[in-house]
Amino acid sequence: SKSVQAVRHSVQLSTLPPEPVIPSKQPLRVELIGGKRYSWCTCGWSRKQPFCDGSHKSRAQGLSPLRFVPQEDATVWLCGCKHTNNPPYCDGTHKQDFIVQNPASKLKC
């Protein structure tokens, strides 16, 4: 007699947040006011780039804005591609092939 062996397959659902969309392939020059709290968009869906407008709540659940308070007034370049390794600041990641070859989202910022 042949024995039948049950094979158990497990499916793991990712608990990782979704990948952000790329709203801009260029950094955004911003005048920041020292002591003011800002919320930098991490999902890429905001229509108020580079800042959050709450779009992540319906379009990118699992992502939330990066909140920061600059110590002094400053003109800075904030990341527009959402893949920086130094959020919220641009680190040049937008020059890498995976960003350059990716079609930018059709959002109007």
N, C-alpha and C. Protein backbone atom coordinates (compact mmCIF):
# COMPACT_ATOMS: atom_id res chain seq x y z
N SER A 1 0.83 -1.18 0.00
CA SER A 1 0.00 0.00 0.00
C SER A 1 0.87 1.24 0.00
N LYS A 2 0.44 2.20 -0.71
CA LYS A 2 1.20 3.45 -0.79
C LYS A 2 0.78 4.36 0.34
N SER A 3 1.74 4.99 0.94
CA SER A 3 1.37 5.95 1.98
C SER A 3 1.34 7.34 1.36
N VAL A 4 0.38 8.07 1.76
CA VAL A 4 0.24 9.43 1.25
C VAL A 4 0.76 10.37 2.32
N GLN A 5 1.65 11.19 1.91
CA GLN A 5 2.23 12.13 2.87
C GLN A 5 1.69 13.53 2.58
N ALA A 6 1.13 14.11 3.58
CA ALA A 6 0.60 15.47 3.42
C ALA A 6 1.75 16.46 3.43
N VAL A 7 1.70 17.37 2.52
CA VAL A 7 2.71 18.41 2.46
C VAL A 7 2.04 19.70 2.89
N ARG A 8 2.62 20.34 3.85
CA ARG A 8 2.04 21.60 4.33
C ARG A 8 2.77 22.75 3.67
N HIS A 9 2.03 23.59 3.09
CA HIS A 9 2.58 24.80 2.49
C HIS A 9 2.16 25.97 3.36
N SER A 10 3.11 26.78 3.68
CA SER A 10 2.73 27.97 4.44
C SER A 10 2.97 29.19 3.57
N VAL A 11 2.07 30.08 3.66
CA VAL A 11 2.18 31.32 2.91
C VAL A 11 2.43 32.43 3.91
N GLN A 12 3.50 33.14 3.69
CA GLN A 12 3.79 34.26 4.57
C GLN A 12 3.39 35.55 3.88
N LEU A 13 2.55 36.28 4.52
CA LEU A 13 2.20 37.59 4.00
C LEU A 13 3.23 38.58 4.48
N SER A 14 3.63 39.43 3.61
CA SER A 14 4.64 40.42 3.97
C SER A 14 4.09 41.39 5.00
N THR A 15 4.90 41.64 6.01
CA THR A 15 4.53 42.66 6.99
C THR A 15 5.31 43.94 6.72
N LEU A 16 6.04 43.93 5.62
CA LEU A 16 6.79 45.12 5.25
C LEU A 16 5.83 46.16 4.69
N PRO A 17 6.11 47.43 4.96
CA PRO A 17 5.25 48.46 4.38
C PRO A 17 5.41 48.48 2.86
N PRO A 18 4.46 49.05 2.15
CA PRO A 18 4.56 49.12 0.69
C PRO A 18 5.73 50.01 0.26
N GLU A 19 6.20 49.77 -0.95
CA GLU A 19 7.24 50.63 -1.51
C GLU A 19 6.63 51.98 -1.84
N PRO A 20 7.38 53.05 -1.59
CA PRO A 20 6.84 54.36 -1.96
C PRO A 20 6.83 54.55 -3.47
N VAL A 21 5.90 55.35 -3.96
CA VAL A 21 5.94 55.74 -5.37
C VAL A 21 6.97 56.86 -5.49
N ILE A 22 7.41 57.11 -6.71
CA ILE A 22 8.42 58.14 -6.96
C ILE A 22 7.74 59.37 -7.53
N PRO A 23 7.46 60.37 -6.70
CA PRO A 23 6.78 61.56 -7.21
C PRO A 23 7.69 62.50 -7.98
N SER A 24 8.99 62.44 -7.71
CA SER A 24 9.94 63.33 -8.37
C SER A 24 11.30 62.66 -8.45
N LYS A 25 11.97 62.84 -9.56
CA LYS A 25 13.32 62.30 -9.71
C LYS A 25 14.37 63.35 -9.39
N GLN A 26 13.94 64.40 -8.76
CA GLN A 26 14.84 65.49 -8.37
C GLN A 26 14.53 65.87 -6.92
N PRO A 27 15.53 66.39 -6.20
CA PRO A 27 15.25 66.88 -4.84
C PRO A 27 14.45 68.17 -4.91
N LEU A 28 13.84 68.52 -3.80
CA LEU A 28 13.02 69.72 -3.73
C LEU A 28 13.66 70.71 -2.76
N ARG A 29 13.93 71.91 -3.26
CA ARG A 29 14.56 72.95 -2.44
C ARG A 29 13.48 73.57 -1.55
N VAL A 30 13.74 73.58 -0.25
CA VAL A 30 12.75 74.04 0.71
C VAL A 30 13.39 74.97 1.74
N GLU A 31 12.67 76.02 2.08
CA GLU A 31 13.09 76.93 3.15
C GLU A 31 12.42 76.44 4.43
N LEU A 32 13.20 75.95 5.37
CA LEU A 32 12.65 75.47 6.64
C LEU A 32 12.80 76.52 7.72
N ILE A 33 11.85 76.56 8.63
CA ILE A 33 11.86 77.50 9.74
C ILE A 33 12.25 76.74 11.00
N GLY A 34 13.30 77.20 11.67
CA GLY A 34 13.77 76.56 12.89
C GLY A 34 12.67 76.49 13.93
N GLY A 35 12.55 75.33 14.59
CA GLY A 35 11.56 75.14 15.64
C GLY A 35 10.18 74.72 15.15
N LYS A 36 9.94 74.77 13.84
CA LYS A 36 8.64 74.38 13.28
C LYS A 36 8.65 72.88 12.98
N ARG A 37 7.54 72.21 13.27
CA ARG A 37 7.44 70.77 13.01
C ARG A 37 6.97 70.54 11.57
N TYR A 38 7.68 69.67 10.87
CA TYR A 38 7.35 69.30 9.50
C TYR A 38 7.06 67.81 9.43
N SER A 39 6.25 67.42 8.46
CA SER A 39 5.95 66.01 8.21
C SER A 39 6.31 65.72 6.76
N TRP A 40 7.44 65.04 6.56
CA TRP A 40 7.94 64.70 5.22
C TRP A 40 7.21 63.45 4.73
N CYS A 41 6.67 63.53 3.53
CA CYS A 41 5.95 62.41 2.92
C CYS A 41 6.92 61.26 2.65
N THR A 42 6.59 60.06 3.12
CA THR A 42 7.42 58.89 2.85
C THR A 42 6.80 57.96 1.81
N CYS A 43 5.50 58.16 1.51
CA CYS A 43 4.82 57.23 0.60
C CYS A 43 4.89 57.68 -0.86
N GLY A 44 5.07 58.99 -1.08
CA GLY A 44 5.13 59.51 -2.43
C GLY A 44 3.79 59.92 -3.02
N TRP A 45 2.68 59.64 -2.34
CA TRP A 45 1.35 59.94 -2.88
C TRP A 45 0.87 61.35 -2.57
N SER A 46 1.50 62.05 -1.66
CA SER A 46 1.04 63.38 -1.27
C SER A 46 1.03 64.34 -2.47
N ARG A 47 0.04 65.18 -2.52
CA ARG A 47 -0.01 66.22 -3.56
C ARG A 47 0.62 67.51 -3.06
N LYS A 48 1.19 67.48 -1.86
CA LYS A 48 1.87 68.64 -1.29
C LYS A 48 3.36 68.34 -1.10
N GLN A 49 3.95 67.64 -2.05
CA GLN A 49 5.36 67.25 -1.95
C GLN A 49 6.25 68.44 -1.63
N PRO A 50 7.26 68.25 -0.80
CA PRO A 50 7.69 66.98 -0.21
C PRO A 50 7.00 66.65 1.11
N PHE A 51 5.95 67.38 1.44
CA PHE A 51 5.31 67.20 2.74
C PHE A 51 4.06 66.32 2.65
N CYS A 52 3.69 65.77 3.78
CA CYS A 52 2.56 64.85 3.89
C CYS A 52 1.22 65.59 3.80
N ASP A 53 0.27 64.99 3.09
CA ASP A 53 -1.10 65.51 3.07
C ASP A 53 -2.09 64.46 3.57
N GLY A 54 -1.57 63.36 4.13
CA GLY A 54 -2.43 62.30 4.65
C GLY A 54 -2.79 61.22 3.65
N SER A 55 -2.27 61.30 2.42
CA SER A 55 -2.61 60.32 1.38
C SER A 55 -2.24 58.89 1.77
N HIS A 56 -1.22 58.73 2.61
CA HIS A 56 -0.78 57.39 3.00
C HIS A 56 -1.89 56.60 3.70
N LYS A 57 -2.84 57.31 4.31
CA LYS A 57 -3.91 56.63 5.05
C LYS A 57 -4.78 55.77 4.14
N SER A 58 -4.93 56.18 2.89
CA SER A 58 -5.74 55.40 1.95
C SER A 58 -4.91 54.75 0.85
N ARG A 59 -3.77 55.32 0.50
CA ARG A 59 -3.00 54.84 -0.65
C ARG A 59 -1.81 53.97 -0.26
N ALA A 60 -1.28 54.13 0.96
CA ALA A 60 -0.06 53.41 1.34
C ALA A 60 -0.09 53.07 2.83
N GLN A 61 -1.10 52.31 3.21
CA GLN A 61 -1.21 51.94 4.62
C GLN A 61 0.04 51.18 5.03
N GLY A 62 0.56 51.51 6.19
CA GLY A 62 1.81 50.91 6.66
C GLY A 62 2.95 51.90 6.59
N LEU A 63 2.78 52.96 5.83
CA LEU A 63 3.77 54.03 5.79
C LEU A 63 3.21 55.22 6.54
N SER A 64 4.09 55.97 7.16
CA SER A 64 3.66 57.19 7.84
C SER A 64 4.71 58.25 7.61
N PRO A 65 4.35 59.52 7.75
CA PRO A 65 5.31 60.59 7.48
C PRO A 65 6.45 60.60 8.49
N LEU A 66 7.55 61.16 8.07
CA LEU A 66 8.69 61.38 8.96
C LEU A 66 8.54 62.78 9.53
N ARG A 67 8.37 62.86 10.82
CA ARG A 67 8.21 64.17 11.45
C ARG A 67 9.57 64.65 11.95
N PHE A 68 9.86 65.92 11.69
CA PHE A 68 11.13 66.48 12.13
C PHE A 68 10.99 67.96 12.42
N VAL A 69 11.89 68.45 13.27
CA VAL A 69 11.91 69.87 13.65
C VAL A 69 13.33 70.37 13.47
N PRO A 70 13.58 71.22 12.47
CA PRO A 70 14.94 71.78 12.31
C PRO A 70 15.25 72.72 13.48
N GLN A 71 16.51 72.74 13.88
CA GLN A 71 16.90 73.59 15.01
C GLN A 71 16.98 75.05 14.62
N GLU A 72 17.29 75.31 13.35
CA GLU A 72 17.39 76.70 12.91
C GLU A 72 16.85 76.85 11.49
N ASP A 73 16.59 78.07 11.08
CA ASP A 73 16.15 78.33 9.71
C ASP A 73 17.22 77.82 8.75
N ALA A 74 16.80 77.18 7.68
CA ALA A 74 17.77 76.66 6.72
C ALA A 74 17.10 76.42 5.37
N THR A 75 17.89 76.56 4.31
CA THR A 75 17.47 76.16 2.98
C THR A 75 18.08 74.79 2.74
N VAL A 76 17.24 73.80 2.46
CA VAL A 76 17.71 72.42 2.32
C VAL A 76 17.12 71.80 1.06
N TRP A 77 17.70 70.68 0.67
CA TRP A 77 17.19 69.88 -0.44
C TRP A 77 16.58 68.62 0.16
N LEU A 78 15.24 68.51 0.08
CA LEU A 78 14.56 67.33 0.59
C LEU A 78 14.38 66.33 -0.54
N CYS A 79 14.47 65.06 -0.18
CA CYS A 79 14.37 63.98 -1.16
C CYS A 79 13.01 63.98 -1.84
N GLY A 80 13.03 63.87 -3.16
CA GLY A 80 11.80 63.78 -3.94
C GLY A 80 11.49 62.38 -4.42
N CYS A 81 12.51 61.50 -4.45
CA CYS A 81 12.30 60.14 -4.96
C CYS A 81 11.85 59.17 -3.87
N LYS A 82 11.97 59.58 -2.62
CA LYS A 82 11.54 58.81 -1.44
C LYS A 82 12.40 57.59 -1.16
N HIS A 83 13.59 57.51 -1.73
CA HIS A 83 14.48 56.38 -1.50
C HIS A 83 15.80 56.78 -0.85
N THR A 84 15.91 57.99 -0.33
CA THR A 84 17.13 58.45 0.31
C THR A 84 17.51 57.56 1.50
N ASN A 85 18.79 57.47 1.76
CA ASN A 85 19.27 56.77 2.95
C ASN A 85 19.48 57.75 4.10
N ASN A 86 19.14 59.01 3.88
CA ASN A 86 19.29 60.05 4.89
C ASN A 86 18.01 60.90 4.97
N PRO A 87 16.86 60.24 5.22
CA PRO A 87 15.61 60.98 5.19
C PRO A 87 15.55 62.07 6.26
N PRO A 88 14.97 63.20 5.92
CA PRO A 88 14.23 63.54 4.71
C PRO A 88 15.10 64.18 3.64
N TYR A 89 16.40 64.20 3.86
CA TYR A 89 17.30 64.95 2.98
C TYR A 89 17.75 64.13 1.77
N CYS A 90 17.96 64.82 0.67
CA CYS A 90 18.46 64.18 -0.55
C CYS A 90 19.89 63.70 -0.32
N ASP A 91 20.18 62.48 -0.75
CA ASP A 91 21.54 61.95 -0.69
C ASP A 91 22.05 61.54 -2.07
N GLY A 92 21.32 61.93 -3.12
CA GLY A 92 21.73 61.61 -4.48
C GLY A 92 21.21 60.28 -5.00
N THR A 93 20.41 59.57 -4.21
CA THR A 93 19.88 58.28 -4.65
C THR A 93 19.11 58.39 -5.95
N HIS A 94 18.50 59.55 -6.22
CA HIS A 94 17.72 59.72 -7.45
C HIS A 94 18.56 59.57 -8.71
N LYS A 95 19.87 59.57 -8.58
CA LYS A 95 20.76 59.40 -9.74
C LYS A 95 21.03 57.93 -10.05
N GLN A 96 20.61 57.02 -9.17
CA GLN A 96 20.85 55.60 -9.38
C GLN A 96 19.89 55.03 -10.42
N ASP A 97 20.34 53.99 -11.12
CA ASP A 97 19.57 53.40 -12.22
C ASP A 97 18.15 53.02 -11.84
N PHE A 98 17.96 52.45 -10.64
CA PHE A 98 16.62 51.99 -10.29
C PHE A 98 15.62 53.14 -10.17
N ILE A 99 16.11 54.36 -9.97
CA ILE A 99 15.24 55.53 -9.96
C ILE A 99 15.15 56.11 -11.37
N VAL A 100 16.28 56.29 -12.02
CA VAL A 100 16.34 56.91 -13.35
C VAL A 100 15.47 56.13 -14.34
N GLN A 101 15.52 54.79 -14.28
CA GLN A 101 14.80 53.96 -15.24
C GLN A 101 13.35 53.70 -14.84
N ASN A 102 12.95 54.13 -13.67
CA ASN A 102 11.59 53.93 -13.18
C ASN A 102 10.73 55.10 -13.65
N PRO A 103 9.59 54.83 -14.26
CA PRO A 103 8.76 55.97 -14.67
C PRO A 103 8.27 56.74 -13.44
N ALA A 104 8.38 58.03 -13.49
CA ALA A 104 7.91 58.86 -12.36
C ALA A 104 6.40 58.78 -12.31
N SER A 105 5.88 58.92 -11.13
CA SER A 105 4.42 58.88 -10.98
C SER A 105 3.83 60.09 -11.70
N LYS A 106 2.58 60.01 -12.01
CA LYS A 106 1.93 61.09 -12.74
C LYS A 106 1.28 62.10 -11.81
N LEU A 107 1.74 62.14 -10.57
CA LEU A 107 1.21 63.12 -9.62
C LEU A 107 1.63 64.51 -10.03
N LYS A 108 0.78 65.45 -9.77
CA LYS A 108 1.15 66.85 -10.00
C LYS A 108 1.43 67.45 -8.64
N CYS A 109 2.66 67.70 -8.37
CA CYS A 109 3.05 68.22 -7.06
C CYS A 109 2.86 69.71 -7.01
